[in-house]
Each structure stands twice: as structure tokens, then as C-alpha cells.
Amino acid sequence: MGLREAILEFLACDEASARSAFRDLLGHRPDATDGSDASARRGLDPHRLPRTRSEAALPAAIADSDDLTDRGRRLIERVRLLDDAPLGVTLCGPAYRDTPILYANRMTRELTGYSLAALRGRNPRLLQGPKTSDPAVADLREAVSIWEPVTVELWNHRRDGTPFLNRVSLRPLPGDDGTITHWVAVQEAVDGSGAGR
């Protein structure tokens, strides 16, 4: 299992399994032959994790948000544990509210050039631009409409308009009753030579 899949498993597991899933994620040693980019092969550095409760606390702008559920807060806390991951991780809210971005880790913000404040509340399609391909967007829309995971490569655009080829894995996150409550995306810039989908 690659780092991308390990991150998605950690974020999708139930609360009872979260601690052991995180330990597994920290112990993950990516294989150089798993097809991922070099940055993803670095894995997670446990020494860069928050050490105190105040370091791990939600930023005030998020903590004071009235529209977050307890589950949303717990999921944001999990994504914040991945702030220094070598892959971008973005947590989005429910589809019935146009799937707003609730939290994006540091790598996502560096990759896109957007601050967390600029991303929060926006739909991830803000990254689409003139070079974004319709088939890849159609694959993402279909996955969201049928509540299924998908991985695509598509051209996204940074805040300054620069295009980059982005490999995005999107996964629905069900709540305790099985209803999809959130979506998570794991992304990384990939070499543009294999154009795409």
C-alpha cells in the first residue's frame, strides 16, 4: 500500500480504529517501486507532529466556526496531523452544501499558492482553469454523484494562474450510520509529460 492509500485509509476509518490506523501510517515505509513520486516516498516524519495540546488545537477561525459538526472538527484534527505530509490533503464538507473546503494541509497550500483562509468555504473547482480537461472533471463529478472513490490526473491552476498536473485521489467519508458526510482528497503534482486524465 502506498502512502496515498495509507492516508486515505487513516482518514476513512472509524473513531475506534483511528489511533491504530495513525500508528500504521507513521510506521509506513513507502516502497521506491510503488509508482509514487519521490516526495511521497519520504513518508511521514513523526518528529514534526504537534507535541502539545495547544500545538494540535484547531486554529481560532476554524474552532469558532458555528457551521462545523463534531465529526467535522474531528476530521479536521486528523487532517491537521498530516500538515507536514509530503502529499496534499484536503477535507471537504458535504456535497449538499457544494462540497466546501474545510481544511487543506500545508502541502496543498504550498502546491496551490492559496492560503487556508482563501481556500476555506470554497469548492475545490476553484483550482480549475483553461488547461483543465473536461474528461477528468467528468470523472470527478461522476464519482461524487455516485459516492465512489476515484483517482484522476488533471491540470489544475495555482493562485497565480500557473498550470500544474495534479494527481488527485478523492474518497467519500461515511459517518457512523453509513451516510457520506465529507470528502477527502489526496493530491500531488506529477510530471507533465504523461498528460492527462
N, C-alpha and C. Protein backbone atom coordinates (compact mmCIF):
# COMPACT_ATOMS: atom_id res chain seq x y z
N MET A 1 0.85 -1.17 0.00
CA MET A 1 0.00 0.00 0.00
C MET A 1 0.90 1.24 0.00
N GLY A 2 0.61 2.18 -0.88
CA GLY A 2 1.37 3.41 -0.96
C GLY A 2 0.93 4.40 0.11
N LEU A 3 1.69 5.46 0.24
CA LEU A 3 1.38 6.49 1.23
C LEU A 3 0.02 7.11 0.97
N ARG A 4 -0.30 7.35 -0.30
CA ARG A 4 -1.61 7.92 -0.66
C ARG A 4 -2.74 7.06 -0.09
N GLU A 5 -2.66 5.76 -0.31
CA GLU A 5 -3.71 4.85 0.17
C GLU A 5 -3.73 4.78 1.69
N ALA A 6 -2.54 4.80 2.32
CA ALA A 6 -2.47 4.76 3.78
C ALA A 6 -3.12 6.00 4.39
N ILE A 7 -2.91 7.17 3.78
CA ILE A 7 -3.54 8.40 4.27
C ILE A 7 -5.05 8.31 4.12
N LEU A 8 -5.52 7.85 2.97
CA LEU A 8 -6.96 7.73 2.74
C LEU A 8 -7.58 6.74 3.73
N GLU A 9 -6.90 5.64 4.02
CA GLU A 9 -7.42 4.66 4.99
C GLU A 9 -7.51 5.28 6.38
N PHE A 10 -6.48 6.02 6.79
CA PHE A 10 -6.48 6.66 8.10
C PHE A 10 -7.65 7.64 8.22
N LEU A 11 -7.88 8.42 7.19
CA LEU A 11 -8.95 9.42 7.26
C LEU A 11 -10.34 8.80 7.16
N ALA A 12 -10.45 7.62 6.56
CA ALA A 12 -11.76 6.99 6.38
C ALA A 12 -12.14 6.05 7.52
N CYS A 13 -11.19 5.69 8.37
CA CYS A 13 -11.52 4.71 9.42
C CYS A 13 -12.42 5.33 10.48
N ASP A 14 -13.08 4.45 11.25
CA ASP A 14 -13.96 4.94 12.31
C ASP A 14 -13.11 5.41 13.50
N GLU A 15 -13.76 6.10 14.42
CA GLU A 15 -13.05 6.68 15.57
C GLU A 15 -12.32 5.62 16.39
N ALA A 16 -12.93 4.45 16.55
CA ALA A 16 -12.33 3.40 17.36
C ALA A 16 -11.02 2.90 16.76
N SER A 17 -10.89 2.98 15.44
CA SER A 17 -9.71 2.47 14.75
C SER A 17 -8.68 3.55 14.45
N ALA A 18 -8.99 4.80 14.73
CA ALA A 18 -8.14 5.91 14.30
C ALA A 18 -6.73 5.85 14.89
N ARG A 19 -6.62 5.55 16.17
CA ARG A 19 -5.30 5.54 16.81
C ARG A 19 -4.39 4.49 16.18
N SER A 20 -4.90 3.27 15.99
CA SER A 20 -4.05 2.23 15.40
C SER A 20 -3.78 2.52 13.93
N ALA A 21 -4.75 3.10 13.23
CA ALA A 21 -4.53 3.46 11.82
C ALA A 21 -3.45 4.53 11.71
N PHE A 22 -3.42 5.47 12.66
CA PHE A 22 -2.39 6.50 12.63
C PHE A 22 -1.02 5.91 12.93
N ARG A 23 -0.96 4.98 13.89
CA ARG A 23 0.31 4.30 14.17
C ARG A 23 0.80 3.56 12.93
N ASP A 24 -0.13 2.90 12.23
CA ASP A 24 0.24 2.21 10.98
C ASP A 24 0.76 3.21 9.95
N LEU A 25 0.11 4.36 9.86
CA LEU A 25 0.53 5.39 8.91
C LEU A 25 1.93 5.89 9.25
N LEU A 26 2.20 6.10 10.54
CA LEU A 26 3.54 6.56 10.95
C LEU A 26 4.59 5.50 10.68
N GLY A 27 4.21 4.24 10.79
CA GLY A 27 5.15 3.16 10.54
C GLY A 27 5.29 2.81 9.07
N HIS A 28 4.49 3.48 8.22
CA HIS A 28 4.50 3.19 6.79
C HIS A 28 5.86 3.52 6.19
N ARG A 29 6.42 2.59 5.50
CA ARG A 29 7.68 2.80 4.80
C ARG A 29 7.42 2.60 3.32
N PRO A 30 7.20 3.68 2.60
CA PRO A 30 6.88 3.57 1.18
C PRO A 30 7.96 2.83 0.40
N ASP A 31 7.51 2.11 -0.58
CA ASP A 31 8.38 1.34 -1.46
C ASP A 31 8.77 2.23 -2.63
N ALA A 32 10.03 2.28 -2.96
CA ALA A 32 10.50 3.10 -4.07
C ALA A 32 9.93 2.64 -5.40
N THR A 33 9.35 1.46 -5.44
CA THR A 33 8.80 0.94 -6.70
C THR A 33 7.29 1.05 -6.75
N ASP A 34 6.68 1.77 -5.79
CA ASP A 34 5.21 1.81 -5.77
C ASP A 34 4.60 2.79 -6.77
N GLY A 35 5.42 3.44 -7.59
CA GLY A 35 4.91 4.32 -8.62
C GLY A 35 4.67 5.75 -8.18
N SER A 36 4.88 6.04 -6.91
CA SER A 36 4.64 7.41 -6.44
C SER A 36 5.88 8.27 -6.67
N ASP A 37 5.66 9.56 -6.61
CA ASP A 37 6.76 10.49 -6.77
C ASP A 37 7.70 10.40 -5.57
N ALA A 38 8.90 10.94 -5.73
CA ALA A 38 9.90 10.89 -4.67
C ALA A 38 9.39 11.55 -3.39
N SER A 39 8.63 12.63 -3.51
CA SER A 39 8.14 13.31 -2.30
C SER A 39 7.24 12.40 -1.50
N ALA A 40 6.42 11.60 -2.16
CA ALA A 40 5.53 10.69 -1.45
C ALA A 40 6.29 9.53 -0.83
N ARG A 41 7.45 9.21 -1.36
CA ARG A 41 8.24 8.10 -0.82
C ARG A 41 8.93 8.48 0.49
N ARG A 42 8.94 9.77 0.83
CA ARG A 42 9.58 10.18 2.08
C ARG A 42 8.79 9.71 3.29
N GLY A 43 7.49 9.56 3.16
CA GLY A 43 6.67 9.16 4.30
C GLY A 43 6.43 10.32 5.25
N LEU A 44 5.91 9.99 6.43
CA LEU A 44 5.63 11.00 7.45
C LEU A 44 6.75 11.03 8.47
N ASP A 45 7.08 12.20 8.92
CA ASP A 45 8.11 12.37 9.94
C ASP A 45 7.44 12.55 11.29
N PRO A 46 7.48 11.54 12.17
CA PRO A 46 6.79 11.66 13.46
C PRO A 46 7.36 12.77 14.34
N HIS A 47 8.57 13.22 14.05
CA HIS A 47 9.18 14.29 14.85
C HIS A 47 8.58 15.65 14.54
N ARG A 48 7.81 15.74 13.45
CA ARG A 48 7.21 17.02 13.10
C ARG A 48 5.75 17.11 13.53
N LEU A 49 5.27 16.12 14.27
CA LEU A 49 3.89 16.13 14.75
C LEU A 49 3.74 17.12 15.90
N PRO A 50 2.52 17.64 16.13
CA PRO A 50 2.30 18.52 17.28
C PRO A 50 2.65 17.79 18.57
N ARG A 51 3.34 18.46 19.47
CA ARG A 51 3.78 17.84 20.72
C ARG A 51 2.86 18.16 21.90
N THR A 52 2.15 19.27 21.82
CA THR A 52 1.30 19.67 22.93
C THR A 52 -0.12 19.87 22.43
N ARG A 53 -1.05 19.89 23.38
CA ARG A 53 -2.45 20.10 23.02
C ARG A 53 -2.65 21.45 22.34
N SER A 54 -1.91 22.47 22.77
CA SER A 54 -2.07 23.79 22.15
C SER A 54 -1.53 23.80 20.72
N GLU A 55 -0.47 23.04 20.45
CA GLU A 55 0.04 22.95 19.08
C GLU A 55 -0.96 22.23 18.18
N ALA A 56 -1.69 21.28 18.75
CA ALA A 56 -2.65 20.50 17.96
C ALA A 56 -4.02 21.15 17.89
N ALA A 57 -4.25 22.21 18.68
CA ALA A 57 -5.57 22.84 18.71
C ALA A 57 -5.95 23.42 17.35
N LEU A 58 -7.23 23.41 17.07
CA LEU A 58 -7.71 23.98 15.82
C LEU A 58 -7.44 25.48 15.79
N PRO A 59 -7.10 26.02 14.63
CA PRO A 59 -6.95 27.48 14.52
C PRO A 59 -8.26 28.16 14.93
N ALA A 60 -8.17 29.33 15.52
CA ALA A 60 -9.35 30.03 16.04
C ALA A 60 -10.43 30.21 14.98
N ALA A 61 -10.06 30.52 13.76
CA ALA A 61 -11.05 30.74 12.70
C ALA A 61 -11.87 29.48 12.45
N ILE A 62 -11.27 28.32 12.68
CA ILE A 62 -11.99 27.06 12.48
C ILE A 62 -12.73 26.68 13.76
N ALA A 63 -12.04 26.78 14.89
CA ALA A 63 -12.63 26.38 16.17
C ALA A 63 -13.90 27.18 16.48
N ASP A 64 -13.93 28.44 16.07
CA ASP A 64 -15.08 29.30 16.36
C ASP A 64 -16.19 29.19 15.33
N SER A 65 -16.00 28.37 14.32
CA SER A 65 -16.98 28.23 13.25
C SER A 65 -18.24 27.55 13.77
N ASP A 66 -19.38 28.19 13.56
CA ASP A 66 -20.66 27.65 14.03
C ASP A 66 -21.20 26.54 13.14
N ASP A 67 -20.73 26.47 11.89
CA ASP A 67 -21.31 25.51 10.96
C ASP A 67 -20.62 24.15 10.95
N LEU A 68 -19.65 23.93 11.84
CA LEU A 68 -18.95 22.65 11.89
C LEU A 68 -19.63 21.69 12.86
N THR A 69 -19.78 20.46 12.44
CA THR A 69 -20.29 19.41 13.32
C THR A 69 -19.13 18.87 14.14
N ASP A 70 -19.44 18.09 15.17
CA ASP A 70 -18.37 17.44 15.95
C ASP A 70 -17.54 16.54 15.04
N ARG A 71 -18.20 15.83 14.13
CA ARG A 71 -17.48 14.96 13.21
C ARG A 71 -16.55 15.78 12.31
N GLY A 72 -17.03 16.91 11.83
CA GLY A 72 -16.20 17.79 11.01
C GLY A 72 -14.96 18.24 11.75
N ARG A 73 -15.13 18.60 13.01
CA ARG A 73 -13.98 19.03 13.84
C ARG A 73 -12.98 17.88 14.02
N ARG A 74 -13.50 16.67 14.29
CA ARG A 74 -12.60 15.51 14.47
C ARG A 74 -11.84 15.20 13.18
N LEU A 75 -12.51 15.31 12.04
CA LEU A 75 -11.84 15.05 10.76
C LEU A 75 -10.77 16.11 10.47
N ILE A 76 -11.08 17.36 10.79
CA ILE A 76 -10.08 18.42 10.61
C ILE A 76 -8.87 18.14 11.49
N GLU A 77 -9.10 17.70 12.73
CA GLU A 77 -7.99 17.37 13.61
C GLU A 77 -7.12 16.27 13.00
N ARG A 78 -7.75 15.28 12.37
CA ARG A 78 -6.97 14.21 11.72
C ARG A 78 -6.14 14.76 10.56
N VAL A 79 -6.76 15.61 9.74
CA VAL A 79 -6.02 16.18 8.60
C VAL A 79 -4.88 17.05 9.10
N ARG A 80 -5.09 17.78 10.19
CA ARG A 80 -4.03 18.62 10.75
C ARG A 80 -2.83 17.80 11.21
N LEU A 81 -3.06 16.54 11.61
CA LEU A 81 -1.94 15.66 11.95
C LEU A 81 -1.06 15.41 10.72
N LEU A 82 -1.64 15.61 9.53
CA LEU A 82 -0.94 15.38 8.28
C LEU A 82 -0.43 16.68 7.65
N ASP A 83 -0.34 17.73 8.45
CA ASP A 83 0.08 19.03 7.91
C ASP A 83 1.45 18.97 7.24
N ASP A 84 2.34 18.14 7.74
CA ASP A 84 3.68 18.07 7.17
C ASP A 84 3.87 16.85 6.26
N ALA A 85 2.78 16.23 5.86
CA ALA A 85 2.87 15.08 4.94
C ALA A 85 3.42 15.56 3.60
N PRO A 86 4.09 14.68 2.87
CA PRO A 86 4.64 15.06 1.57
C PRO A 86 3.59 15.07 0.45
N LEU A 87 2.34 14.82 0.79
CA LEU A 87 1.23 14.88 -0.17
C LEU A 87 0.22 15.90 0.33
N GLY A 88 -0.48 16.54 -0.59
CA GLY A 88 -1.53 17.46 -0.20
C GLY A 88 -2.75 16.69 0.28
N VAL A 89 -3.39 17.17 1.32
CA VAL A 89 -4.61 16.56 1.84
C VAL A 89 -5.63 17.67 2.05
N THR A 90 -6.81 17.48 1.47
CA THR A 90 -7.88 18.47 1.56
C THR A 90 -9.14 17.80 2.05
N LEU A 91 -9.75 18.35 3.08
CA LEU A 91 -11.02 17.85 3.61
C LEU A 91 -12.13 18.78 3.16
N CYS A 92 -13.16 18.21 2.57
CA CYS A 92 -14.30 18.99 2.09
C CYS A 92 -15.57 18.57 2.81
N GLY A 93 -16.48 19.52 2.94
CA GLY A 93 -17.74 19.27 3.60
C GLY A 93 -18.71 18.54 2.71
N PRO A 94 -19.93 18.49 3.15
CA PRO A 94 -20.94 17.69 2.45
C PRO A 94 -21.28 18.23 1.06
N ALA A 95 -21.60 17.30 0.16
CA ALA A 95 -21.93 17.66 -1.22
C ALA A 95 -23.17 18.54 -1.29
N TYR A 96 -24.11 18.34 -0.38
CA TYR A 96 -25.34 19.14 -0.44
C TYR A 96 -25.07 20.61 -0.16
N ARG A 97 -23.88 20.94 0.30
CA ARG A 97 -23.50 22.34 0.52
C ARG A 97 -22.43 22.76 -0.46
N ASP A 98 -22.36 22.11 -1.62
CA ASP A 98 -21.40 22.38 -2.69
C ASP A 98 -19.98 22.02 -2.29
N THR A 99 -19.84 21.05 -1.41
CA THR A 99 -18.57 20.46 -1.03
C THR A 99 -17.50 21.52 -0.71
N PRO A 100 -17.75 22.37 0.28
CA PRO A 100 -16.77 23.42 0.60
C PRO A 100 -15.52 22.84 1.26
N ILE A 101 -14.39 23.45 0.99
CA ILE A 101 -13.14 23.06 1.64
C ILE A 101 -13.22 23.48 3.10
N LEU A 102 -12.99 22.51 3.99
CA LEU A 102 -12.96 22.79 5.42
C LEU A 102 -11.53 22.99 5.92
N TYR A 103 -10.61 22.20 5.36
CA TYR A 103 -9.21 22.31 5.77
C TYR A 103 -8.33 21.76 4.66
N ALA A 104 -7.19 22.39 4.46
CA ALA A 104 -6.19 21.93 3.49
C ALA A 104 -4.83 21.97 4.19
N ASN A 105 -4.10 20.87 4.11
CA ASN A 105 -2.82 20.83 4.81
C ASN A 105 -1.79 21.74 4.14
N ARG A 106 -0.65 21.86 4.78
CA ARG A 106 0.40 22.77 4.32
C ARG A 106 0.85 22.46 2.89
N MET A 107 0.99 21.17 2.55
CA MET A 107 1.45 20.82 1.20
C MET A 107 0.44 21.28 0.15
N THR A 108 -0.84 21.15 0.43
CA THR A 108 -1.86 21.63 -0.51
C THR A 108 -1.72 23.14 -0.69
N ARG A 109 -1.52 23.84 0.40
CA ARG A 109 -1.40 25.30 0.32
C ARG A 109 -0.15 25.70 -0.44
N GLU A 110 0.96 24.99 -0.23
CA GLU A 110 2.19 25.29 -0.97
C GLU A 110 2.02 24.97 -2.45
N LEU A 111 1.38 23.85 -2.74
CA LEU A 111 1.19 23.40 -4.12
C LEU A 111 0.33 24.39 -4.91
N THR A 112 -0.72 24.92 -4.27
CA THR A 112 -1.67 25.77 -4.98
C THR A 112 -1.40 27.26 -4.85
N GLY A 113 -0.64 27.66 -3.84
CA GLY A 113 -0.37 29.07 -3.62
C GLY A 113 -1.50 29.80 -2.89
N TYR A 114 -2.51 29.06 -2.46
CA TYR A 114 -3.63 29.66 -1.72
C TYR A 114 -3.40 29.51 -0.22
N SER A 115 -3.78 30.52 0.54
CA SER A 115 -3.75 30.41 2.00
C SER A 115 -4.96 29.59 2.45
N LEU A 116 -4.93 29.14 3.69
CA LEU A 116 -6.07 28.40 4.22
C LEU A 116 -7.33 29.28 4.21
N ALA A 117 -7.16 30.55 4.56
CA ALA A 117 -8.31 31.47 4.58
C ALA A 117 -8.93 31.62 3.18
N ALA A 118 -8.09 31.62 2.16
CA ALA A 118 -8.60 31.75 0.79
C ALA A 118 -9.28 30.47 0.30
N LEU A 119 -8.88 29.33 0.84
CA LEU A 119 -9.47 28.05 0.43
C LEU A 119 -10.74 27.71 1.19
N ARG A 120 -10.76 28.00 2.49
CA ARG A 120 -11.91 27.59 3.32
C ARG A 120 -13.22 28.14 2.78
N GLY A 121 -14.20 27.23 2.69
CA GLY A 121 -15.52 27.61 2.23
C GLY A 121 -15.70 27.59 0.72
N ARG A 122 -14.61 27.44 -0.02
CA ARG A 122 -14.67 27.41 -1.48
C ARG A 122 -14.73 25.97 -1.97
N ASN A 123 -15.32 25.74 -3.12
CA ASN A 123 -15.32 24.43 -3.75
C ASN A 123 -13.96 24.22 -4.41
N PRO A 124 -13.43 22.99 -4.39
CA PRO A 124 -12.12 22.75 -5.00
C PRO A 124 -12.04 23.07 -6.49
N ARG A 125 -13.15 23.26 -7.15
CA ARG A 125 -13.10 23.60 -8.58
C ARG A 125 -12.46 24.97 -8.81
N LEU A 126 -12.21 25.73 -7.74
CA LEU A 126 -11.50 27.00 -7.90
C LEU A 126 -10.11 26.76 -8.48
N LEU A 127 -9.61 25.52 -8.42
CA LEU A 127 -8.30 25.19 -8.99
C LEU A 127 -8.37 24.91 -10.49
N GLN A 128 -9.58 24.82 -11.04
CA GLN A 128 -9.71 24.57 -12.47
C GLN A 128 -9.43 25.85 -13.25
N GLY A 129 -8.99 25.66 -14.48
CA GLY A 129 -8.69 26.79 -15.33
C GLY A 129 -8.70 26.37 -16.78
N PRO A 130 -8.13 27.19 -17.66
CA PRO A 130 -8.19 26.94 -19.10
C PRO A 130 -7.59 25.61 -19.52
N LYS A 131 -6.61 25.11 -18.78
CA LYS A 131 -5.95 23.88 -19.19
C LYS A 131 -6.60 22.62 -18.59
N THR A 132 -7.59 22.80 -17.71
CA THR A 132 -8.25 21.66 -17.06
C THR A 132 -9.07 20.90 -18.10
N SER A 133 -8.90 19.58 -18.14
CA SER A 133 -9.58 18.76 -19.15
C SER A 133 -10.98 18.35 -18.70
N ASP A 134 -11.92 18.41 -19.63
CA ASP A 134 -13.29 18.03 -19.34
C ASP A 134 -13.44 16.57 -18.92
N PRO A 135 -12.75 15.60 -19.58
CA PRO A 135 -12.93 14.21 -19.15
C PRO A 135 -12.53 13.96 -17.69
N ALA A 136 -11.45 14.57 -17.22
CA ALA A 136 -11.03 14.38 -15.83
C ALA A 136 -12.06 14.98 -14.88
N VAL A 137 -12.58 16.15 -15.21
CA VAL A 137 -13.60 16.79 -14.38
C VAL A 137 -14.87 15.93 -14.37
N ALA A 138 -15.22 15.36 -15.52
CA ALA A 138 -16.39 14.49 -15.60
C ALA A 138 -16.21 13.26 -14.71
N ASP A 139 -14.99 12.71 -14.67
CA ASP A 139 -14.72 11.57 -13.79
C ASP A 139 -14.91 11.95 -12.32
N LEU A 140 -14.44 13.13 -11.94
CA LEU A 140 -14.62 13.60 -10.56
C LEU A 140 -16.10 13.81 -10.24
N ARG A 141 -16.83 14.44 -11.15
CA ARG A 141 -18.25 14.68 -10.92
C ARG A 141 -19.03 13.38 -10.78
N GLU A 142 -18.70 12.42 -11.66
CA GLU A 142 -19.40 11.13 -11.59
C GLU A 142 -19.13 10.45 -10.25
N ALA A 143 -17.89 10.45 -9.80
CA ALA A 143 -17.54 9.82 -8.52
C ALA A 143 -18.33 10.47 -7.37
N VAL A 144 -18.40 11.80 -7.37
CA VAL A 144 -19.15 12.49 -6.32
C VAL A 144 -20.63 12.15 -6.41
N SER A 145 -21.17 12.06 -7.62
CA SER A 145 -22.61 11.81 -7.76
C SER A 145 -22.99 10.38 -7.38
N ILE A 146 -22.05 9.43 -7.49
CA ILE A 146 -22.38 8.05 -7.12
C ILE A 146 -21.67 7.62 -5.83
N TRP A 147 -21.05 8.60 -5.15
CA TRP A 147 -20.44 8.37 -3.83
C TRP A 147 -19.34 7.31 -3.88
N GLU A 148 -18.47 7.38 -4.88
CA GLU A 148 -17.41 6.40 -5.06
C GLU A 148 -16.05 7.08 -5.10
N PRO A 149 -14.99 6.37 -4.67
CA PRO A 149 -13.64 6.94 -4.77
C PRO A 149 -13.18 6.96 -6.22
N VAL A 150 -12.23 7.86 -6.51
CA VAL A 150 -11.68 7.97 -7.86
C VAL A 150 -10.29 8.59 -7.76
N THR A 151 -9.42 8.23 -8.71
CA THR A 151 -8.14 8.90 -8.86
C THR A 151 -8.03 9.37 -10.30
N VAL A 152 -7.70 10.64 -10.47
CA VAL A 152 -7.55 11.21 -11.81
C VAL A 152 -6.30 12.07 -11.84
N GLU A 153 -5.81 12.31 -13.03
CA GLU A 153 -4.79 13.33 -13.23
C GLU A 153 -5.43 14.43 -14.07
N LEU A 154 -5.32 15.64 -13.59
CA LEU A 154 -5.89 16.76 -14.31
C LEU A 154 -5.02 17.99 -14.12
N TRP A 155 -5.13 18.90 -15.08
CA TRP A 155 -4.41 20.16 -14.97
C TRP A 155 -5.20 21.09 -14.07
N ASN A 156 -4.58 21.47 -12.97
CA ASN A 156 -5.13 22.49 -12.09
C ASN A 156 -4.29 23.75 -12.27
N HIS A 157 -4.74 24.80 -11.61
CA HIS A 157 -4.05 26.09 -11.74
C HIS A 157 -3.80 26.67 -10.35
N ARG A 158 -2.58 27.13 -10.16
CA ARG A 158 -2.23 27.77 -8.89
C ARG A 158 -2.89 29.14 -8.80
N ARG A 159 -2.81 29.72 -7.65
CA ARG A 159 -3.40 31.03 -7.44
C ARG A 159 -2.92 32.05 -8.46
N ASP A 160 -1.64 31.94 -8.86
CA ASP A 160 -1.09 32.89 -9.84
C ASP A 160 -1.43 32.52 -11.28
N GLY A 161 -2.21 31.43 -11.48
CA GLY A 161 -2.62 31.02 -12.82
C GLY A 161 -1.73 29.98 -13.47
N THR A 162 -0.60 29.66 -12.86
CA THR A 162 0.32 28.66 -13.42
C THR A 162 -0.33 27.28 -13.38
N PRO A 163 -0.39 26.59 -14.52
CA PRO A 163 -0.97 25.24 -14.51
C PRO A 163 0.02 24.20 -13.97
N PHE A 164 -0.50 23.16 -13.34
CA PHE A 164 0.31 22.03 -12.90
C PHE A 164 -0.53 20.77 -13.01
N LEU A 165 0.12 19.67 -13.36
CA LEU A 165 -0.58 18.40 -13.47
C LEU A 165 -0.70 17.81 -12.08
N ASN A 166 -1.92 17.53 -11.66
CA ASN A 166 -2.24 17.14 -10.30
C ASN A 166 -2.85 15.75 -10.32
N ARG A 167 -2.27 14.82 -9.56
CA ARG A 167 -2.90 13.50 -9.38
C ARG A 167 -3.74 13.60 -8.11
N VAL A 168 -5.05 13.46 -8.28
CA VAL A 168 -6.00 13.63 -7.18
C VAL A 168 -6.72 12.32 -6.92
N SER A 169 -6.68 11.88 -5.68
CA SER A 169 -7.48 10.73 -5.23
C SER A 169 -8.55 11.28 -4.32
N LEU A 170 -9.79 11.05 -4.70
CA LEU A 170 -10.95 11.55 -3.96
C LEU A 170 -11.66 10.38 -3.32
N ARG A 171 -12.03 10.52 -2.05
CA ARG A 171 -12.71 9.43 -1.35
C ARG A 171 -13.81 9.97 -0.47
N PRO A 172 -14.99 9.33 -0.52
CA PRO A 172 -16.07 9.73 0.39
C PRO A 172 -15.79 9.20 1.79
N LEU A 173 -16.22 9.96 2.79
CA LEU A 173 -16.03 9.57 4.19
C LEU A 173 -17.41 9.37 4.82
N PRO A 174 -17.79 8.12 5.08
CA PRO A 174 -19.10 7.88 5.69
C PRO A 174 -19.06 8.11 7.20
N GLY A 175 -20.21 8.52 7.73
CA GLY A 175 -20.37 8.67 9.17
C GLY A 175 -20.71 7.33 9.78
N ASP A 176 -21.02 7.33 11.07
CA ASP A 176 -21.33 6.09 11.78
C ASP A 176 -22.52 5.34 11.19
N ASP A 177 -23.46 6.09 10.62
CA ASP A 177 -24.65 5.45 10.05
C ASP A 177 -24.47 5.06 8.58
N GLY A 178 -23.28 5.28 8.03
CA GLY A 178 -23.01 4.91 6.65
C GLY A 178 -23.27 6.02 5.64
N THR A 179 -23.86 7.12 6.09
CA THR A 179 -24.14 8.25 5.20
C THR A 179 -22.85 9.02 4.94
N ILE A 180 -22.62 9.40 3.69
CA ILE A 180 -21.43 10.18 3.36
C ILE A 180 -21.57 11.56 3.97
N THR A 181 -20.60 11.92 4.82
CA THR A 181 -20.66 13.22 5.49
C THR A 181 -19.63 14.20 4.92
N HIS A 182 -18.51 13.68 4.43
CA HIS A 182 -17.41 14.52 3.96
C HIS A 182 -16.70 13.82 2.81
N TRP A 183 -15.81 14.55 2.17
CA TRP A 183 -14.93 14.01 1.14
C TRP A 183 -13.51 14.40 1.49
N VAL A 184 -12.56 13.55 1.15
CA VAL A 184 -11.16 13.88 1.33
C VAL A 184 -10.44 13.66 0.00
N ALA A 185 -9.50 14.54 -0.27
CA ALA A 185 -8.68 14.42 -1.48
C ALA A 185 -7.22 14.39 -1.08
N VAL A 186 -6.47 13.51 -1.72
CA VAL A 186 -5.02 13.48 -1.56
C VAL A 186 -4.46 13.82 -2.93
N GLN A 187 -3.54 14.79 -2.96
CA GLN A 187 -3.04 15.24 -4.26
C GLN A 187 -1.55 15.47 -4.24
N GLU A 188 -0.98 15.36 -5.44
CA GLU A 188 0.44 15.68 -5.62
C GLU A 188 0.65 16.12 -7.06
N ALA A 189 1.57 17.05 -7.22
CA ALA A 189 1.95 17.47 -8.58
C ALA A 189 2.74 16.33 -9.20
N VAL A 190 2.47 16.05 -10.45
CA VAL A 190 3.18 14.99 -11.16
C VAL A 190 3.84 15.56 -12.40
N ASP A 191 4.78 14.82 -12.94
CA ASP A 191 5.48 15.22 -14.16
C ASP A 191 4.47 15.38 -15.27
N GLY A 192 4.48 16.49 -15.96
CA GLY A 192 3.51 16.79 -17.02
C GLY A 192 3.71 16.04 -18.30
N SER A 193 4.72 15.18 -18.40
CA SER A 193 4.99 14.51 -19.67
C SER A 193 3.95 13.46 -20.02
N GLY A 194 3.19 12.98 -19.03
CA GLY A 194 2.22 11.93 -19.34
C GLY A 194 0.82 12.47 -19.41
N ALA A 195 0.61 13.63 -19.93
CA ALA A 195 -0.62 14.41 -19.97
C ALA A 195 -1.84 13.68 -19.54
N GLY A 196 -2.77 14.48 -19.05
CA GLY A 196 -3.82 13.80 -18.70
C GLY A 196 -5.08 13.78 -18.07
N ARG A 197 -5.39 12.60 -17.70
CA ARG A 197 -6.63 12.31 -17.03
C ARG A 197 -6.31 11.82 -15.68
